Amino acid sequence: MTFSLPELPYSHDALAPYMSRETIEYHHGKHHLAYVNNGNNLLKGTEWENRPLEDIVKGSHGKNAGLFNNAGQHYNHLHFWNWMKPGGGGDKIPGILEKTIAADLGSVAKMKEAFVQAGVAQFGSGWCWLALKDGKIVVTSTANGENPLVHGARPILGCDVWEHSYYIDYRNRRPEYLTAFVDHLINWDYVADLFEAAKP
């Protein structure tokens, strides 16, 4: 299975002012494209050629660092573009997901605070996540291109905290970027779909 760059589900300027056209053009058209191209080159001739993306991510973890880094980032970004939408964020969370968040993390407000803090506290490049692990929603973070798949969990929401994701718009103000993501960008319907698919 070869990797390919997806079309964005919105225009390049649809997420402004929280994520600018310039950021999305560079992030999608340069960074994500590089993961696709590098991943395809590194996939050739390996035991994971022609396997589904999740199998490649999980199988190459700890065994083929170059392939894993690019496959992991391709997986992460395939979802990242769908984890956002114009007019997203806030508390417009589908009922079952909202109830589970409250039950597992205390409240929606506590979840948001923990999610932002996980991203702020991630040293260097990486991601912060909501993931389903052992039947419960947890907040976590990973370095570089890792994601919850390789730690026995299913990601249902992730935010990219690599500098290329926010530096054009926010410079070094990562907390402001994460707050904007939570308050104005999250596509909760997509999160809810992944949550339903991840439930045991």
C-alpha atoms as a PDB file:
ATOM      1  CA  MET A   1       0.000   0.000   0.000  1.00  0.00           C
ATOM      2  CA  THR A   2       1.578   3.254  -1.091  1.00  0.00           C
ATOM      3  CA  PHE A   3       1.025   6.477   0.789  1.00  0.00           C
ATOM      4  CA  SER A   4      -0.657   9.428  -0.928  1.00  0.00           C
ATOM      5  CA  LEU A   5      -1.289  13.004   0.124  1.00  0.00           C
ATOM      6  CA  PRO A   6      -4.998  13.507   0.871  1.00  0.00           C
ATOM      7  CA  GLU A   7      -7.041  16.425  -0.335  1.00  0.00           C
ATOM      8  CA  LEU A   8      -7.889  18.803   2.491  1.00  0.00           C
ATOM      9  CA  PRO A   9     -11.543  18.718   3.583  1.00  0.00           C
ATOM     10  CA  TYR A  10     -11.646  22.555   3.466  1.00  0.00           C
ATOM     11  CA  SER A  11      -9.900  25.412   1.661  1.00  0.00           C
ATOM     12  CA  HIS A  12      -6.432  26.569   2.692  1.00  0.00           C
ATOM     13  CA  ASP A  13      -7.828  29.682   4.364  1.00  0.00           C
ATOM     14  CA  ALA A  14     -10.893  28.059   5.976  1.00  0.00           C
ATOM     15  CA  LEU A  15      -9.345  27.790   9.463  1.00  0.00           C
ATOM     16  CA  ALA A  16      -8.146  31.400   9.661  1.00  0.00           C
ATOM     17  CA  PRO A  17      -7.467  33.276  11.860  1.00  0.00           C
ATOM     18  CA  TYR A  18      -6.652  30.309  14.122  1.00  0.00           C
ATOM     19  CA  MET A  19      -4.566  28.549  11.478  1.00  0.00           C
ATOM     20  CA  SER A  20      -3.481  30.617   8.504  1.00  0.00           C
ATOM     21  CA  ARG A  21      -3.409  29.803   4.805  1.00  0.00           C
ATOM     22  CA  GLU A  22       0.400  30.012   4.906  1.00  0.00           C
ATOM     23  CA  THR A  23       0.646  27.506   7.752  1.00  0.00           C
ATOM     24  CA  ILE A  24      -1.655  25.004   6.037  1.00  0.00           C
ATOM     25  CA  GLU A  25       0.081  25.389   2.676  1.00  0.00           C
ATOM     26  CA  TYR A  26       3.458  24.629   4.242  1.00  0.00           C
ATOM     27  CA  HIS A  27       2.207  21.998   6.673  1.00  0.00           C
ATOM     28  CA  HIS A  28       0.077  20.051   4.197  1.00  0.00           C
ATOM     29  CA  GLY A  29       1.843  20.794   0.933  1.00  0.00           C
ATOM     30  CA  LYS A  30       5.447  20.525   2.156  1.00  0.00           C
ATOM     31  CA  HIS A  31       5.702  18.658   5.468  1.00  0.00           C
ATOM     32  CA  HIS A  32       2.968  16.061   4.981  1.00  0.00           C
ATOM     33  CA  LEU A  33       4.014  15.567   1.360  1.00  0.00           C
ATOM     34  CA  ALA A  34       7.581  14.873   2.536  1.00  0.00           C
ATOM     35  CA  TYR A  35       6.318  12.146   4.904  1.00  0.00           C
ATOM     36  CA  VAL A  36       4.392  10.601   1.994  1.00  0.00           C
ATOM     37  CA  ASN A  37       7.349  10.660  -0.395  1.00  0.00           C
ATOM     38  CA  ASN A  38       9.927   9.514   2.161  1.00  0.00           C
ATOM     39  CA  GLY A  39       7.573   6.840   3.476  1.00  0.00           C
ATOM     40  CA  ASN A  40       6.976   5.427   0.004  1.00  0.00           C
ATOM     41  CA  ASN A  41      10.714   5.255  -0.680  1.00  0.00           C
ATOM     42  CA  LEU A  42      11.434   3.584   2.667  1.00  0.00           C
ATOM     43  CA  LEU A  43       8.540   1.122   2.293  1.00  0.00           C
ATOM     44  CA  LYS A  44       9.907  -0.434  -0.898  1.00  0.00           C
ATOM     45  CA  GLY A  45      11.314  -3.912  -0.401  1.00  0.00           C
ATOM     46  CA  THR A  46      10.294  -4.179   3.271  1.00  0.00           C
ATOM     47  CA  GLU A  47       8.092  -6.806   4.876  1.00  0.00           C
ATOM     48  CA  TRP A  48       5.393  -4.144   5.297  1.00  0.00           C
ATOM     49  CA  GLU A  49       5.039  -3.329   1.613  1.00  0.00           C
ATOM     50  CA  ASN A  50       1.372  -3.659   0.554  1.00  0.00           C
ATOM     51  CA  ARG A  51       0.207  -3.773   4.188  1.00  0.00           C
ATOM     52  CA  PRO A  52      -2.432  -1.406   5.657  1.00  0.00           C
ATOM     53  CA  LEU A  53      -1.049   1.802   7.156  1.00  0.00           C
ATOM     54  CA  GLU A  54      -1.837   0.841  10.763  1.00  0.00           C
ATOM     55  CA  ASP A  55       0.059  -2.426  10.313  1.00  0.00           C
ATOM     56  CA  ILE A  56       3.034  -0.514   8.914  1.00  0.00           C
ATOM     57  CA  VAL A  57       3.021   1.926  11.836  1.00  0.00           C
ATOM     58  CA  LYS A  58       2.758  -0.767  14.501  1.00  0.00           C
ATOM     59  CA  GLY A  59       5.045  -3.247  12.754  1.00  0.00           C
ATOM     60  CA  SER A  60       7.885  -0.825  12.018  1.00  0.00           C
ATOM     61  CA  HIS A  61       7.928   0.686  15.526  1.00  0.00           C
ATOM     62  CA  GLY A  62      11.229  -0.205  17.147  1.00  0.00           C
ATOM     63  CA  LYS A  63      12.377  -2.081  14.036  1.00  0.00           C
ATOM     64  CA  ASN A  64      12.736   0.426  11.208  1.00  0.00           C
ATOM     65  CA  ALA A  65      13.034   3.970  12.565  1.00  0.00           C
ATOM     66  CA  GLY A  66      13.028   5.788   9.239  1.00  0.00           C
ATOM     67  CA  LEU A  67       9.945   4.027   7.945  1.00  0.00           C
ATOM     68  CA  PHE A  68       8.176   4.324  11.286  1.00  0.00           C
ATOM     69  CA  ASN A  69       8.802   8.070  11.560  1.00  0.00           C
ATOM     70  CA  ASN A  70       7.340   8.781   8.130  1.00  0.00           C
ATOM     71  CA  ALA A  71       4.496   6.251   8.315  1.00  0.00           C
ATOM     72  CA  GLY A  72       3.589   7.453  11.802  1.00  0.00           C
ATOM     73  CA  GLN A  73       3.521  11.062  10.708  1.00  0.00           C
ATOM     74  CA  HIS A  74       1.470  10.172   7.624  1.00  0.00           C
ATOM     75  CA  TYR A  75      -1.053   8.374   9.833  1.00  0.00           C
ATOM     76  CA  ASN A  76      -1.123  11.258  12.323  1.00  0.00           C
ATOM     77  CA  HIS A  77      -1.656  13.860   9.616  1.00  0.00           C
ATOM     78  CA  LEU A  78      -4.347  11.907   7.754  1.00  0.00           C
ATOM     79  CA  HIS A  79      -6.394  12.342  10.915  1.00  0.00           C
ATOM     80  CA  PHE A  80      -5.082  15.797  11.865  1.00  0.00           C
ATOM     81  CA  TRP A  81      -6.672  17.498   8.859  1.00  0.00           C
ATOM     82  CA  ASN A  82     -10.000  15.856   9.756  1.00  0.00           C
ATOM     83  CA  TRP A  83      -9.689  16.688  13.455  1.00  0.00           C
ATOM     84  CA  MET A  84     -10.226  20.323  12.473  1.00  0.00           C
ATOM     85  CA  LYS A  85     -13.042  22.198  10.785  1.00  0.00           C
ATOM     86  CA  PRO A  86     -14.147  25.821  10.343  1.00  0.00           C
ATOM     87  CA  GLY A  87     -16.247  26.856  13.330  1.00  0.00           C
ATOM     88  CA  GLY A  88     -15.126  23.865  15.362  1.00  0.00           C
ATOM     89  CA  GLY A  89     -14.014  23.525  18.959  1.00  0.00           C
ATOM     90  CA  GLY A  90     -15.961  24.615  21.988  1.00  0.00           C
ATOM     91  CA  ASP A  91     -18.389  22.335  23.785  1.00  0.00           C
ATOM     92  CA  LYS A  92     -20.415  21.082  20.811  1.00  0.00           C
ATOM     93  CA  ILE A  93     -19.586  17.452  21.634  1.00  0.00           C
ATOM     94  CA  PRO A  94     -21.899  14.556  20.642  1.00  0.00           C
ATOM     95  CA  GLY A  95     -23.729  13.157  23.674  1.00  0.00           C
ATOM     96  CA  ILE A  96     -22.149   9.731  24.245  1.00  0.00           C
ATOM     97  CA  LEU A  97     -18.634  11.103  23.796  1.00  0.00           C
ATOM     98  CA  GLU A  98     -19.334  14.028  26.131  1.00  0.00           C
ATOM     99  CA  LYS A  99     -20.677  11.692  28.823  1.00  0.00           C
ATOM    100  CA  THR A 100     -17.667   9.393  28.527  1.00  0.00           C
ATOM    101  CA  ILE A 101     -15.231  12.312  28.725  1.00  0.00           C
ATOM    102  CA  ALA A 102     -16.972  13.525  31.881  1.00  0.00           C
ATOM    103  CA  ALA A 103     -16.971  10.043  33.408  1.00  0.00           C
ATOM    104  CA  ASP A 104     -13.326   9.271  32.594  1.00  0.00           C
ATOM    105  CA  LEU A 105     -11.689  12.699  32.962  1.00  0.00           C
ATOM    106  CA  GLY A 106     -13.950  14.564  35.389  1.00  0.00           C
ATOM    107  CA  SER A 107     -15.524  17.067  32.999  1.00  0.00           C
ATOM    108  CA  VAL A 108     -15.136  18.534  29.531  1.00  0.00           C
ATOM    109  CA  ALA A 109     -13.362  21.541  31.074  1.00  0.00           C
ATOM    110  CA  LYS A 110     -10.884  19.284  32.892  1.00  0.00           C
ATOM    111  CA  MET A 111     -10.284  17.302  29.718  1.00  0.00           C
ATOM    112  CA  LYS A 112      -9.497  20.471  27.752  1.00  0.00           C
ATOM    113  CA  GLU A 113      -7.142  21.712  30.458  1.00  0.00           C
ATOM    114  CA  ALA A 114      -5.324  18.369  30.592  1.00  0.00           C
ATOM    115  CA  PHE A 115      -5.123  18.154  26.781  1.00  0.00           C
ATOM    116  CA  VAL A 116      -3.618  21.633  26.459  1.00  0.00           C
ATOM    117  CA  GLN A 117      -1.207  20.924  29.316  1.00  0.00           C
ATOM    118  CA  ALA A 118      -0.102  17.656  27.697  1.00  0.00           C
ATOM    119  CA  GLY A 119       0.784  19.610  24.556  1.00  0.00           C
ATOM    120  CA  VAL A 120       2.521  22.402  26.440  1.00  0.00           C
ATOM    121  CA  ALA A 121       4.558  19.947  28.501  1.00  0.00           C
ATOM    122  CA  GLN A 122       5.657  17.824  25.512  1.00  0.00           C
ATOM    123  CA  PHE A 123       9.353  18.687  25.238  1.00  0.00           C
ATOM    124  CA  GLY A 124      10.409  19.324  21.664  1.00  0.00           C
ATOM    125  CA  SER A 125       8.408  17.931  18.768  1.00  0.00           C
ATOM    126  CA  GLY A 126       5.458  15.631  19.247  1.00  0.00           C
ATOM    127  CA  TRP A 127       1.714  15.336  19.722  1.00  0.00           C
ATOM    128  CA  CYS A 128      -0.889  15.489  22.491  1.00  0.00           C
ATOM    129  CA  TRP A 129      -3.795  13.063  22.405  1.00  0.00           C
ATOM    130  CA  LEU A 130      -7.124  11.833  23.577  1.00  0.00           C
ATOM    131  CA  ALA A 131      -7.019   8.068  23.246  1.00  0.00           C
ATOM    132  CA  LEU A 132      -9.110   5.089  24.230  1.00  0.00           C
ATOM    133  CA  LYS A 133      -7.094   2.671  26.350  1.00  0.00           C
ATOM    134  CA  ASP A 134      -8.541  -0.299  28.244  1.00  0.00           C
ATOM    135  CA  GLY A 135     -12.023   1.062  27.586  1.00  0.00           C
ATOM    136  CA  LYS A 136     -11.355   4.532  29.029  1.00  0.00           C
ATOM    137  CA  ILE A 137     -10.501   7.898  27.486  1.00  0.00           C
ATOM    138  CA  VAL A 138      -7.055   9.101  28.541  1.00  0.00           C
ATOM    139  CA  VAL A 139      -4.958  12.208  27.844  1.00  0.00           C
ATOM    140  CA  THR A 140      -1.409  11.539  26.763  1.00  0.00           C
ATOM    141  CA  SER A 141       1.446  12.862  24.642  1.00  0.00           C
ATOM    142  CA  THR A 142       4.109  11.318  22.443  1.00  0.00           C
ATOM    143  CA  ALA A 143       7.418  12.454  21.000  1.00  0.00           C
ATOM    144  CA  ASN A 144       8.093  13.051  17.322  1.00  0.00           C
ATOM    145  CA  GLY A 145       5.893  10.831  15.093  1.00  0.00           C
ATOM    146  CA  GLU A 146       4.734   8.351  17.718  1.00  0.00           C
ATOM    147  CA  ASN A 147       1.047   7.926  18.457  1.00  0.00           C
ATOM    148  CA  PRO A 148      -1.104   5.909  20.864  1.00  0.00           C
ATOM    149  CA  LEU A 149      -1.344   2.968  18.430  1.00  0.00           C
ATOM    150  CA  VAL A 150       2.147   1.838  19.448  1.00  0.00           C
ATOM    151  CA  HIS A 151       1.270   2.107  23.149  1.00  0.00           C
ATOM    152  CA  GLY A 152      -1.765  -0.168  23.166  1.00  0.00           C
ATOM    153  CA  ALA A 153      -4.381   2.575  22.661  1.00  0.00           C
ATOM    154  CA  ARG A 154      -6.575   4.019  19.904  1.00  0.00           C
ATOM    155  CA  PRO A 155      -6.165   7.738  19.149  1.00  0.00           C
ATOM    156  CA  ILE A 156      -9.433   9.644  18.868  1.00  0.00           C
ATOM    157  CA  LEU A 157      -8.033  13.216  18.889  1.00  0.00           C
ATOM    158  CA  GLY A 158      -4.527  14.548  18.334  1.00  0.00           C
ATOM    159  CA  CYS A 159      -2.889  17.946  18.045  1.00  0.00           C
ATOM    160  CA  ASP A 160       0.453  18.425  16.316  1.00  0.00           C
ATOM    161  CA  VAL A 161       2.898  20.382  18.484  1.00  0.00           C
ATOM    162  CA  TRP A 162       5.814  20.306  16.051  1.00  0.00           C
ATOM    163  CA  GLU A 163       6.872  23.916  15.492  1.00  0.00           C
ATOM    164  CA  HIS A 164       5.883  23.816  11.813  1.00  0.00           C
ATOM    165  CA  SER A 165       2.279  23.412  12.970  1.00  0.00           C
ATOM    166  CA  TYR A 166       2.122  26.762  14.742  1.00  0.00           C
ATOM    167  CA  TYR A 167       5.277  28.877  14.442  1.00  0.00           C
ATOM    168  CA  ILE A 168       4.138  31.015  11.482  1.00  0.00           C
ATOM    169  CA  ASP A 169       0.980  32.031  13.348  1.00  0.00           C
ATOM    170  CA  TYR A 170       1.986  31.894  17.009  1.00  0.00           C
ATOM    171  CA  ARG A 171       5.810  31.972  17.070  1.00  0.00           C
ATOM    172  CA  ASN A 172       6.817  30.446  20.427  1.00  0.00           C
ATOM    173  CA  ARG A 173       3.349  30.743  21.995  1.00  0.00           C
ATOM    174  CA  ARG A 174       2.465  27.043  21.979  1.00  0.00           C
ATOM    175  CA  PRO A 175      -0.135  27.382  24.783  1.00  0.00           C
ATOM    176  CA  GLU A 176      -2.029  29.983  22.723  1.00  0.00           C
ATOM    177  CA  TYR A 177      -2.013  27.673  19.684  1.00  0.00           C
ATOM    178  CA  LEU A 178      -3.313  24.733  21.717  1.00  0.00           C
ATOM    179  CA  THR A 179      -6.057  26.832  23.294  1.00  0.00           C
ATOM    180  CA  ALA A 180      -7.127  28.061  19.840  1.00  0.00           C
ATOM    181  CA  PHE A 181      -7.180  24.447  18.605  1.00  0.00           C
ATOM    182  CA  VAL A 182      -9.422  23.351  21.482  1.00  0.00           C
ATOM    183  CA  ASP A 183     -11.704  26.390  21.466  1.00  0.00           C
ATOM    184  CA  HIS A 184     -12.085  27.011  17.720  1.00  0.00           C
ATOM    185  CA  LEU A 185     -10.872  24.136  15.524  1.00  0.00           C
ATOM    186  CA  ILE A 186     -11.708  20.649  16.828  1.00  0.00           C
ATOM    187  CA  ASN A 187     -14.121  18.658  14.672  1.00  0.00           C
ATOM    188  CA  TRP A 188     -15.920  16.849  17.489  1.00  0.00           C
ATOM    189  CA  ASP A 189     -18.065  14.841  15.069  1.00  0.00           C
ATOM    190  CA  TYR A 190     -14.926  13.227  13.645  1.00  0.00           C
ATOM    191  CA  VAL A 191     -13.639  12.567  17.173  1.00  0.00           C
ATOM    192  CA  ALA A 192     -16.964  10.937  18.040  1.00  0.00           C
ATOM    193  CA  ASP A 193     -16.785   8.717  14.932  1.00  0.00           C
ATOM    194  CA  LEU A 194     -13.306   7.505  15.911  1.00  0.00           C
ATOM    195  CA  PHE A 195     -14.475   6.983  19.495  1.00  0.00           C
ATOM    196  CA  GLU A 196     -17.366   4.797  18.326  1.00  0.00           C
ATOM    197  CA  ALA A 197     -15.040   2.799  16.062  1.00  0.00           C
ATOM    198  CA  ALA A 198     -12.492   2.326  18.862  1.00  0.00           C
ATOM    199  CA  LYS A 199     -14.936   1.096  21.504  1.00  0.00           C
ATOM    200  CA  PRO A 200     -14.485  -2.573  22.418  1.00  0.00           C
END
